[in-house]
C-alpha atoms as a PDB file:
ATOM      1  CA  MET A   1      -2.954  -9.316  -4.152  1.00  0.00           C
ATOM      2  CA  LEU A   2      -4.667  -6.590  -2.058  1.00  0.00           C
ATOM      3  CA  VAL A   3      -2.340  -4.203  -0.446  1.00  0.00           C
ATOM      4  CA  ASP A   4      -3.858  -2.656   2.678  1.00  0.00           C
ATOM      5  CA  GLY A   5      -7.632  -2.084   3.254  1.00  0.00           C
ATOM      6  CA  GLY A   6      -8.145   1.470   4.387  1.00  0.00           C
ATOM      7  CA  GLY A   7      -9.918   2.611   7.471  1.00  0.00           C
ATOM      8  CA  LEU A   8     -11.599   5.350   9.250  1.00  0.00           C
ATOM      9  CA  PRO A   9     -12.263   6.126  12.993  1.00  0.00           C
ATOM     10  CA  GLY A  10     -15.694   4.689  13.750  1.00  0.00           C
ATOM     11  CA  GLY A  11     -15.284   1.640  11.489  1.00  0.00           C
ATOM     12  CA  ASN A  12     -14.875  -1.025  14.371  1.00  0.00           C
ATOM     13  CA  TYR A  13     -17.834  -2.752  15.569  1.00  0.00           C
ATOM     14  CA  ILE A  14     -18.610  -2.369  19.240  1.00  0.00           C
ATOM     15  CA  ARG A  15     -21.356  -4.844  20.449  1.00  0.00           C
ATOM     16  CA  GLY A  16     -22.362  -5.389  17.066  1.00  0.00           C
ATOM     17  CA  ILE A  17     -22.741  -1.618  16.051  1.00  0.00           C
ATOM     18  CA  ARG A  18     -20.311   0.406  14.329  1.00  0.00           C
ATOM     19  CA  ALA A  19     -20.699   4.105  14.411  1.00  0.00           C
ATOM     20  CA  GLY A  20     -19.168   5.105  10.958  1.00  0.00           C
ATOM     21  CA  LEU A  21     -18.124   3.628   7.474  1.00  0.00           C
ATOM     22  CA  ASP A  22     -16.356   0.467   7.343  1.00  0.00           C
ATOM     23  CA  VAL A  23     -14.034   0.915   4.256  1.00  0.00           C
ATOM     24  CA  GLY A  24     -13.548  -2.767   3.652  1.00  0.00           C
ATOM     25  CA  GLU A  25     -17.048  -3.713   4.008  1.00  0.00           C
ATOM     26  CA  ASP A  26     -18.417  -0.493   2.260  1.00  0.00           C
ATOM     27  CA  VAL A  27     -15.791   0.493  -0.453  1.00  0.00           C
ATOM     28  CA  VAL A  28     -13.235  -2.151  -0.805  1.00  0.00           C
ATOM     29  CA  SER A  29     -15.331  -5.167  -0.892  1.00  0.00           C
ATOM     30  CA  PRO A  30     -17.775  -3.742  -3.467  1.00  0.00           C
ATOM     31  CA  TYR A  31     -15.126  -2.415  -5.787  1.00  0.00           C
ATOM     32  CA  LEU A  32     -13.498  -6.000  -5.796  1.00  0.00           C
ATOM     33  CA  TRP A  33     -16.619  -7.748  -6.498  1.00  0.00           C
ATOM     34  CA  ALA A  34     -17.584  -5.349  -9.438  1.00  0.00           C
ATOM     35  CA  ARG A  35     -14.008  -6.491 -10.610  1.00  0.00           C
ATOM     36  CA  GLY A  36     -15.358 -10.111 -10.668  1.00  0.00           C
ATOM     37  CA  LEU A  37     -13.130 -10.939  -7.825  1.00  0.00           C
ATOM     38  CA  LYS A  38     -14.117 -13.683  -5.200  1.00  0.00           C
ATOM     39  CA  ARG A  39     -10.938 -14.863  -4.247  1.00  0.00           C
ATOM     40  CA  LEU A  40      -7.419 -13.155  -3.155  1.00  0.00           C
ATOM     41  CA  ASP A  41      -4.069 -15.001  -3.204  1.00  0.00           C
ATOM     42  CA  VAL A  42      -2.808 -12.517  -1.294  1.00  0.00           C
ATOM     43  CA  VAL A  43      -3.621  -9.430   1.269  1.00  0.00           C
ATOM     44  CA  ALA A  44      -0.688  -7.562   2.411  1.00  0.00           C
ATOM     45  CA  LEU A  45      -0.768  -5.080   5.179  1.00  0.00           C
ATOM     46  CA  THR A  46       1.922  -2.647   5.162  1.00  0.00           C
ATOM     47  CA  HIS A  47       1.683  -1.434   8.826  1.00  0.00           C
ATOM     48  CA  ALA A  48      -0.897  -1.432  11.261  1.00  0.00           C
ATOM     49  CA  HIS A  49      -2.043   2.036  11.229  1.00  0.00           C
ATOM     50  CA  GLU A  50      -5.969   2.231  11.166  1.00  0.00           C
ATOM     51  CA  ASP A  51      -6.193   3.864   7.590  1.00  0.00           C
ATOM     52  CA  HIS A  52      -4.280   0.713   6.208  1.00  0.00           C
ATOM     53  CA  LEU A  53      -5.593  -1.825   8.556  1.00  0.00           C
ATOM     54  CA  GLY A  54      -9.220  -0.951   9.413  1.00  0.00           C
ATOM     55  CA  GLY A  55     -10.945  -2.358   6.092  1.00  0.00           C
ATOM     56  CA  LEU A  56      -9.076  -5.782   6.113  1.00  0.00           C
ATOM     57  CA  GLY A  57     -11.200  -7.489   8.540  1.00  0.00           C
ATOM     58  CA  ALA A  58     -14.196  -7.279   6.365  1.00  0.00           C
ATOM     59  CA  VAL A  59     -12.098  -8.364   3.565  1.00  0.00           C
ATOM     60  CA  LEU A  60     -10.783 -11.549   5.189  1.00  0.00           C
ATOM     61  CA  ARG A  61     -14.508 -12.259   5.748  1.00  0.00           C
ATOM     62  CA  ASN A  62     -16.133 -11.523   2.322  1.00  0.00           C
ATOM     63  CA  PHE A  63     -13.178 -13.195   0.056  1.00  0.00           C
ATOM     64  CA  ARG A  64     -11.371 -16.538   0.010  1.00  0.00           C
ATOM     65  CA  VAL A  65      -8.001 -15.331   0.939  1.00  0.00           C
ATOM     66  CA  GLY A  66      -4.925 -17.450   0.621  1.00  0.00           C
ATOM     67  CA  GLU A  67      -2.183 -15.642   2.687  1.00  0.00           C
ATOM     68  CA  LEU A  68      -2.190 -12.463   4.873  1.00  0.00           C
ATOM     69  CA  TRP A  69       1.222 -10.603   4.610  1.00  0.00           C
ATOM     70  CA  VAL A  70       2.579  -8.649   7.422  1.00  0.00           C
ATOM     71  CA  GLY A  71       5.955  -7.500   8.560  1.00  0.00           C
ATOM     72  CA  HIS A  72       6.157  -6.658  12.250  1.00  0.00           C
ATOM     73  CA  ASP A  73       3.751  -7.919  14.953  1.00  0.00           C
ATOM     74  CA  VAL A  74       2.374  -5.362  16.638  1.00  0.00           C
ATOM     75  CA  ASP A  75       1.031  -5.009  20.308  1.00  0.00           C
ATOM     76  CA  SER A  76      -2.408  -3.406  19.551  1.00  0.00           C
ATOM     77  CA  ALA A  77      -6.060  -4.697  19.774  1.00  0.00           C
ATOM     78  CA  ALA A  78      -6.948  -3.950  16.017  1.00  0.00           C
ATOM     79  CA  TYR A  79      -3.756  -5.943  14.958  1.00  0.00           C
ATOM     80  CA  ARG A  80      -4.845  -8.985  17.368  1.00  0.00           C
ATOM     81  CA  ALA A  81      -8.082  -8.581  16.030  1.00  0.00           C
ATOM     82  CA  LEU A  82      -7.067  -8.881  12.333  1.00  0.00           C
ATOM     83  CA  LEU A  83      -4.935 -12.161  13.272  1.00  0.00           C
ATOM     84  CA  ASP A  84      -7.724 -13.541  14.860  1.00  0.00           C
ATOM     85  CA  GLU A  85      -9.930 -12.817  11.849  1.00  0.00           C
ATOM     86  CA  ALA A  86      -7.262 -14.544   9.503  1.00  0.00           C
ATOM     87  CA  HIS A  87      -7.232 -17.642  11.869  1.00  0.00           C
ATOM     88  CA  ALA A  88     -10.660 -18.119  12.018  1.00  0.00           C
ATOM     89  CA  HIS A  89     -11.118 -18.275   8.316  1.00  0.00           C
ATOM     90  CA  GLY A  90      -7.836 -20.445   7.741  1.00  0.00           C
ATOM     91  CA  VAL A  91      -5.698 -17.738   6.334  1.00  0.00           C
ATOM     92  CA  ARG A  92      -2.247 -18.532   6.604  1.00  0.00           C
ATOM     93  CA  VAL A  93      -0.200 -15.499   8.180  1.00  0.00           C
ATOM     94  CA  VAL A  94       3.169 -14.713   6.491  1.00  0.00           C
ATOM     95  CA  HIS A  95       5.813 -12.382   7.817  1.00  0.00           C
ATOM     96  CA  GLN A  96       7.841 -11.051   4.879  1.00  0.00           C
ATOM     97  CA  LEU A  97      11.254  -9.634   5.204  1.00  0.00           C
ATOM     98  CA  GLN A  98      13.699  -7.724   3.026  1.00  0.00           C
ATOM     99  CA  GLY A  99      15.388 -10.013   0.543  1.00  0.00           C
ATOM    100  CA  ALA A 100      12.262 -12.278  -0.033  1.00  0.00           C
ATOM    101  CA  THR A 101      11.835 -12.960  -3.862  1.00  0.00           C
ATOM    102  CA  PHE A 102       8.577 -14.713  -5.544  1.00  0.00           C
ATOM    103  CA  ASP A 103       7.972 -15.557  -9.250  1.00  0.00           C
ATOM    104  CA  TRP A 104       4.309 -15.364  -9.094  1.00  0.00           C
ATOM    105  CA  GLY A 105       2.848 -16.548 -12.690  1.00  0.00           C
ATOM    106  CA  GLY A 106       5.700 -14.524 -14.554  1.00  0.00           C
ATOM    107  CA  LEU A 107       5.123 -11.278 -11.931  1.00  0.00           C
ATOM    108  CA  GLN A 108       8.534 -10.743 -10.037  1.00  0.00           C
ATOM    109  CA  VAL A 109       7.870  -9.576  -6.408  1.00  0.00           C
ATOM    110  CA  ARG A 110      10.559  -8.701  -4.387  1.00  0.00           C
ATOM    111  CA  ILE A 111      10.311  -7.452  -0.723  1.00  0.00           C
ATOM    112  CA  LEU A 112      12.696  -4.553   0.072  1.00  0.00           C
ATOM    113  CA  TRP A 113      11.407  -3.557   3.746  1.00  0.00           C
ATOM    114  CA  PRO A 114      10.950  -4.344   6.618  1.00  0.00           C
ATOM    115  CA  ASP A 115      14.950  -5.557   7.419  1.00  0.00           C
ATOM    116  CA  ASN A 116      13.508  -7.683  10.528  1.00  0.00           C
ATOM    117  CA  ASP A 117      10.341  -9.058  11.860  1.00  0.00           C
ATOM    118  CA  ASP A 118      10.871  -7.979  15.566  1.00  0.00           C
ATOM    119  CA  PRO A 119       7.811  -7.282  17.487  1.00  0.00           C
ATOM    120  CA  VAL A 120       6.994  -3.773  18.159  1.00  0.00           C
ATOM    121  CA  GLY A 121       4.937  -1.936  20.791  1.00  0.00           C
ATOM    122  CA  VAL A 122       3.502   0.476  18.773  1.00  0.00           C
ATOM    123  CA  ALA A 123       2.945   0.828  14.922  1.00  0.00           C
ATOM    124  CA  SER A 124       4.951   3.050  12.963  1.00  0.00           C
ATOM    125  CA  ASN A 125       5.334   4.308   9.209  1.00  0.00           C
ATOM    126  CA  ASP A 126       8.630   2.994   9.015  1.00  0.00           C
ATOM    127  CA  ASP A 127       7.480  -0.513   9.718  1.00  0.00           C
ATOM    128  CA  SER A 128       5.772  -0.402   6.358  1.00  0.00           C
ATOM    129  CA  LEU A 129       6.298  -3.261   3.979  1.00  0.00           C
ATOM    130  CA  VAL A 130       7.811  -2.140   0.658  1.00  0.00           C
ATOM    131  CA  LEU A 131       7.110  -4.180  -2.362  1.00  0.00           C
ATOM    132  CA  ARG A 132       8.652  -3.994  -5.828  1.00  0.00           C
ATOM    133  CA  LEU A 133       6.817  -5.661  -8.622  1.00  0.00           C
ATOM    134  CA  GLN A 134       8.279  -6.418 -12.174  1.00  0.00           C
ATOM    135  CA  GLN A 135       6.420  -7.546 -15.125  1.00  0.00           C
ATOM    136  CA  GLY A 136       8.324  -8.021 -18.193  1.00  0.00           C
ATOM    137  CA  SER A 137      10.069  -4.395 -18.635  1.00  0.00           C
ATOM    138  CA  GLU A 138       7.362  -2.669 -16.313  1.00  0.00           C
ATOM    139  CA  SER A 139       7.924  -2.187 -12.658  1.00  0.00           C
ATOM    140  CA  PHE A 140       6.187  -1.114  -9.841  1.00  0.00           C
ATOM    141  CA  LEU A 141       7.035   0.357  -6.259  1.00  0.00           C
ATOM    142  CA  LEU A 142       4.573   0.094  -3.535  1.00  0.00           C
ATOM    143  CA  ALA A 143       6.241   2.064  -0.810  1.00  0.00           C
ATOM    144  CA  GLY A 144       3.568   2.177   2.181  1.00  0.00           C
ATOM    145  CA  ASP A 145       4.206   4.883   4.427  1.00  0.00           C
ATOM    146  CA  ILE A 146       8.097   4.904   4.578  1.00  0.00           C
ATOM    147  CA  GLU A 147       9.825   8.138   5.699  1.00  0.00           C
ATOM    148  CA  ARG A 148      13.226   9.761   5.402  1.00  0.00           C
ATOM    149  CA  PRO A 149      15.171   6.892   7.538  1.00  0.00           C
ATOM    150  CA  VAL A 150      13.936   4.085   5.555  1.00  0.00           C
ATOM    151  CA  GLU A 151      14.299   5.630   2.277  1.00  0.00           C
ATOM    152  CA  ASN A 152      17.955   6.636   3.082  1.00  0.00           C
ATOM    153  CA  ALA A 153      18.297   2.815   4.245  1.00  0.00           C
ATOM    154  CA  LEU A 154      16.943   1.386   0.715  1.00  0.00           C
ATOM    155  CA  LEU A 155      19.157   3.874  -0.978  1.00  0.00           C
ATOM    156  CA  ALA A 156      22.089   1.308   0.245  1.00  0.00           C
ATOM    157  CA  ASP A 157      20.556  -1.090  -2.662  1.00  0.00           C
ATOM    158  CA  ARG A 158      19.846   1.905  -5.178  1.00  0.00           C
ATOM    159  CA  ASP A 159      19.651  -0.793  -8.232  1.00  0.00           C
ATOM    160  CA  ALA A 160      16.681  -2.238  -6.570  1.00  0.00           C
ATOM    161  CA  LEU A 161      14.502   1.111  -6.561  1.00  0.00           C
ATOM    162  CA  PRO A 162      14.051   2.121 -10.299  1.00  0.00           C
ATOM    163  CA  ALA A 163      10.383   1.522 -11.321  1.00  0.00           C
ATOM    164  CA  ALA A 164       8.007   3.024 -13.771  1.00  0.00           C
ATOM    165  CA  PHE A 165       5.116   3.369 -11.466  1.00  0.00           C
ATOM    166  CA  LEU A 166       5.536   4.623  -7.910  1.00  0.00           C
ATOM    167  CA  LYS A 167       2.834   4.338  -5.081  1.00  0.00           C
ATOM    168  CA  VAL A 168       4.043   7.621  -3.255  1.00  0.00           C
ATOM    169  CA  PRO A 169       5.073   7.001   0.414  1.00  0.00           C
ATOM    170  CA  HIS A 170       2.939   8.324   3.246  1.00  0.00           C
ATOM    171  CA  HIS A 171       0.195   9.932   1.280  1.00  0.00           C
ATOM    172  CA  GLY A 172       2.753  12.590  -0.249  1.00  0.00           C
ATOM    173  CA  SER A 173       3.703  13.868   3.234  1.00  0.00           C
ATOM    174  CA  ARG A 174       6.770  16.146   3.566  1.00  0.00           C
ATOM    175  CA  THR A 175       8.458  13.343   5.865  1.00  0.00           C
ATOM    176  CA  SER A 176       8.776  11.220   2.916  1.00  0.00           C
ATOM    177  CA  SER A 177       9.842  11.545  -0.992  1.00  0.00           C
ATOM    178  CA  THR A 178      13.348  12.990  -0.287  1.00  0.00           C
ATOM    179  CA  PRO A 179      15.109  14.085  -3.218  1.00  0.00           C
ATOM    180  CA  PRO A 180      17.782  11.207  -3.486  1.00  0.00           C
ATOM    181  CA  PHE A 181      14.983   8.651  -3.263  1.00  0.00           C
ATOM    182  CA  ILE A 182      12.796  10.080  -5.735  1.00  0.00           C
ATOM    183  CA  ASP A 183      15.996  10.312  -7.981  1.00  0.00           C
ATOM    184  CA  ALA A 184      16.651   6.587  -7.523  1.00  0.00           C
ATOM    185  CA  VAL A 185      12.992   5.633  -8.340  1.00  0.00           C
ATOM    186  CA  HIS A 186      12.873   7.976 -11.236  1.00  0.00           C
ATOM    187  CA  PRO A 187       9.252   6.989 -11.974  1.00  0.00           C
ATOM    188  CA  GLN A 188       7.227   7.796 -15.061  1.00  0.00           C
ATOM    189  CA  PHE A 189       4.007   7.556 -13.241  1.00  0.00           C
ATOM    190  CA  ALA A 190       3.352   8.421  -9.433  1.00  0.00           C
ATOM    191  CA  ALA A 191       0.005   7.887  -7.634  1.00  0.00           C
ATOM    192  CA  ILE A 192      -0.509   9.766  -4.246  1.00  0.00           C
ATOM    193  CA  SER A 193      -3.417   8.042  -2.146  1.00  0.00           C
ATOM    194  CA  VAL A 194      -4.841  10.859   0.013  1.00  0.00           C
ATOM    195  CA  GLY A 195      -8.334  12.185   1.285  1.00  0.00           C
ATOM    196  CA  ALA A 196      -9.642  15.171  -0.022  1.00  0.00           C
ATOM    197  CA  PHE A 197      -9.328  18.549   2.368  1.00  0.00           C
ATOM    198  CA  ASN A 198      -7.446  16.295   4.656  1.00  0.00           C
ATOM    199  CA  ALA A 199      -6.256  17.803   8.107  1.00  0.00           C
ATOM    200  CA  TYR A 200      -2.509  16.899   7.596  1.00  0.00           C
ATOM    201  CA  GLY A 201      -2.402  19.428   4.460  1.00  0.00           C
ATOM    202  CA  GLN A 202      -1.413  16.262   2.461  1.00  0.00           C
ATOM    203  CA  PRO A 203       0.062  16.195  -0.350  1.00  0.00           C
ATOM    204  CA  ASN A 204       2.760  18.579   0.479  1.00  0.00           C
ATOM    205  CA  ASP A 205       3.448  21.054  -2.485  1.00  0.00           C
ATOM    206  CA  ASP A 206       7.295  20.570  -2.461  1.00  0.00           C
ATOM    207  CA  VAL A 207       6.637  16.777  -2.606  1.00  0.00           C
ATOM    208  CA  ILE A 208       4.530  17.071  -5.643  1.00  0.00           C
ATOM    209  CA  GLU A 209       7.029  19.543  -7.275  1.00  0.00           C
ATOM    210  CA  ARG A 210       9.978  17.219  -6.627  1.00  0.00           C
ATOM    211  CA  ILE A 211       8.189  14.232  -8.264  1.00  0.00           C
ATOM    212  CA  GLY A 212       7.346  16.228 -11.166  1.00  0.00           C
ATOM    213  CA  ALA A 213      10.529  17.500 -11.816  1.00  0.00           C
ATOM    214  CA  GLU A 214      11.745  13.970 -12.345  1.00  0.00           C
ATOM    215  CA  GLY A 215       9.313  14.057 -15.299  1.00  0.00           C
ATOM    216  CA  ALA A 216       6.429  11.849 -13.702  1.00  0.00           C
ATOM    217  CA  HIS A 217       2.975  12.340 -14.372  1.00  0.00           C
ATOM    218  CA  VAL A 218       1.572  12.660 -11.061  1.00  0.00           C
ATOM    219  CA  TYR A 219      -2.177  11.297  -9.981  1.00  0.00           C
ATOM    220  CA  ARG A 220      -3.848  12.135  -6.776  1.00  0.00           C
ATOM    221  CA  THR A 221      -6.730  10.267  -5.628  1.00  0.00           C
ATOM    222  CA  ASP A 222      -8.155  13.432  -4.130  1.00  0.00           C
ATOM    223  CA  ARG A 223      -8.180  15.259  -7.356  1.00  0.00           C
ATOM    224  CA  ASP A 224      -8.546  12.200  -9.900  1.00  0.00           C
ATOM    225  CA  GLY A 225     -10.604   9.569  -8.160  1.00  0.00           C
ATOM    226  CA  ALA A 226      -9.467   5.863  -8.414  1.00  0.00           C
ATOM    227  CA  ILE A 227      -6.330   5.306 -10.154  1.00  0.00           C
ATOM    228  CA  THR A 228      -6.101   2.197 -12.639  1.00  0.00           C
ATOM    229  CA  THR A 229      -2.812   1.044 -14.052  1.00  0.00           C
ATOM    230  CA  LEU A 230      -2.448  -1.803 -16.503  1.00  0.00           C
ATOM    231  CA  THR A 231       0.437  -3.308 -18.114  1.00  0.00           C
ATOM    232  CA  ASP A 232       1.236  -6.523 -20.322  1.00  0.00           C
ATOM    233  CA  GLY A 233       4.825  -6.283 -19.452  1.00  0.00           C
ATOM    234  CA  ARG A 234       5.760  -4.252 -22.529  1.00  0.00           C
ATOM    235  CA  SER A 235       3.958  -1.071 -21.957  1.00  0.00           C
ATOM    236  CA  MET A 236       1.841   0.697 -19.155  1.00  0.00           C
ATOM    237  CA  ASP A 237      -1.699   2.658 -19.343  1.00  0.00           C
ATOM    238  CA  VAL A 238      -2.644   4.716 -16.471  1.00  0.00           C
ATOM    239  CA  ARG A 239      -6.116   6.163 -16.091  1.00  0.00           C
ATOM    240  CA  ALA A 240      -7.968   7.899 -13.661  1.00  0.00           C
ATOM    241  CA  PHE A 241     -11.651   7.892 -12.769  1.00  0.00           C
ATOM    242  CA  LEU A 242     -12.049  11.691 -13.278  1.00  0.00           C
ATOM    243  CA  GLU A 243     -10.487  13.485 -16.097  1.00  0.00           C
ATOM    244  CA  HIS A 244      -8.211  16.066 -15.185  1.00  0.00           C
ATOM    245  CA  ARG A 245      -9.639  19.764 -15.301  1.00  0.00           C
END
């Protein structure tokens, strides 16, 4: 399963030419090929913002993909283009909703959000697919870009939130990772996907301190590079491309 594909302004093709980096073509696909992957059972789009959606068109072209998981349909040209790409390559589009569960070769997958699949005019962070993965005694929470309102909603089923590994919501933004949410997840490891020297000032210092106070080891892609987590269901090994300095 690939969750999101990155994206940068200028990555789209206009009359066969693109002005900038296509993250899907130039970063994600080469990484997956280097791992020996030619097929993806599932590509999951958390929400239709460019920094999550932009690279997925190239992935659908470059790999044999079984299904494209989405939450809300969005009235945007980029999202419609992604669906067109999926249909052109025979990829089944599946709308996922809160409460769906799967046993995937011993991996337990549970969809925690969104709570409906109503079409929306404009994509928002709180549209995000939130997935919990359980392998044996080890668990992962992939929180997309959810912010405070959805974190509060998820606390209604607090027992579904604990996870050893947390993909920190919304790049470590101050609008997410509220104290009750982090307390409920209580991660041992937390990974923040964030660009170096980004214009948003992410990750927020208070968020980093809050997660660290839970006893979690915090990894950041701007500082540590690619973060790799491996588990056999009994223990978890987390490594970063760059060693901490």
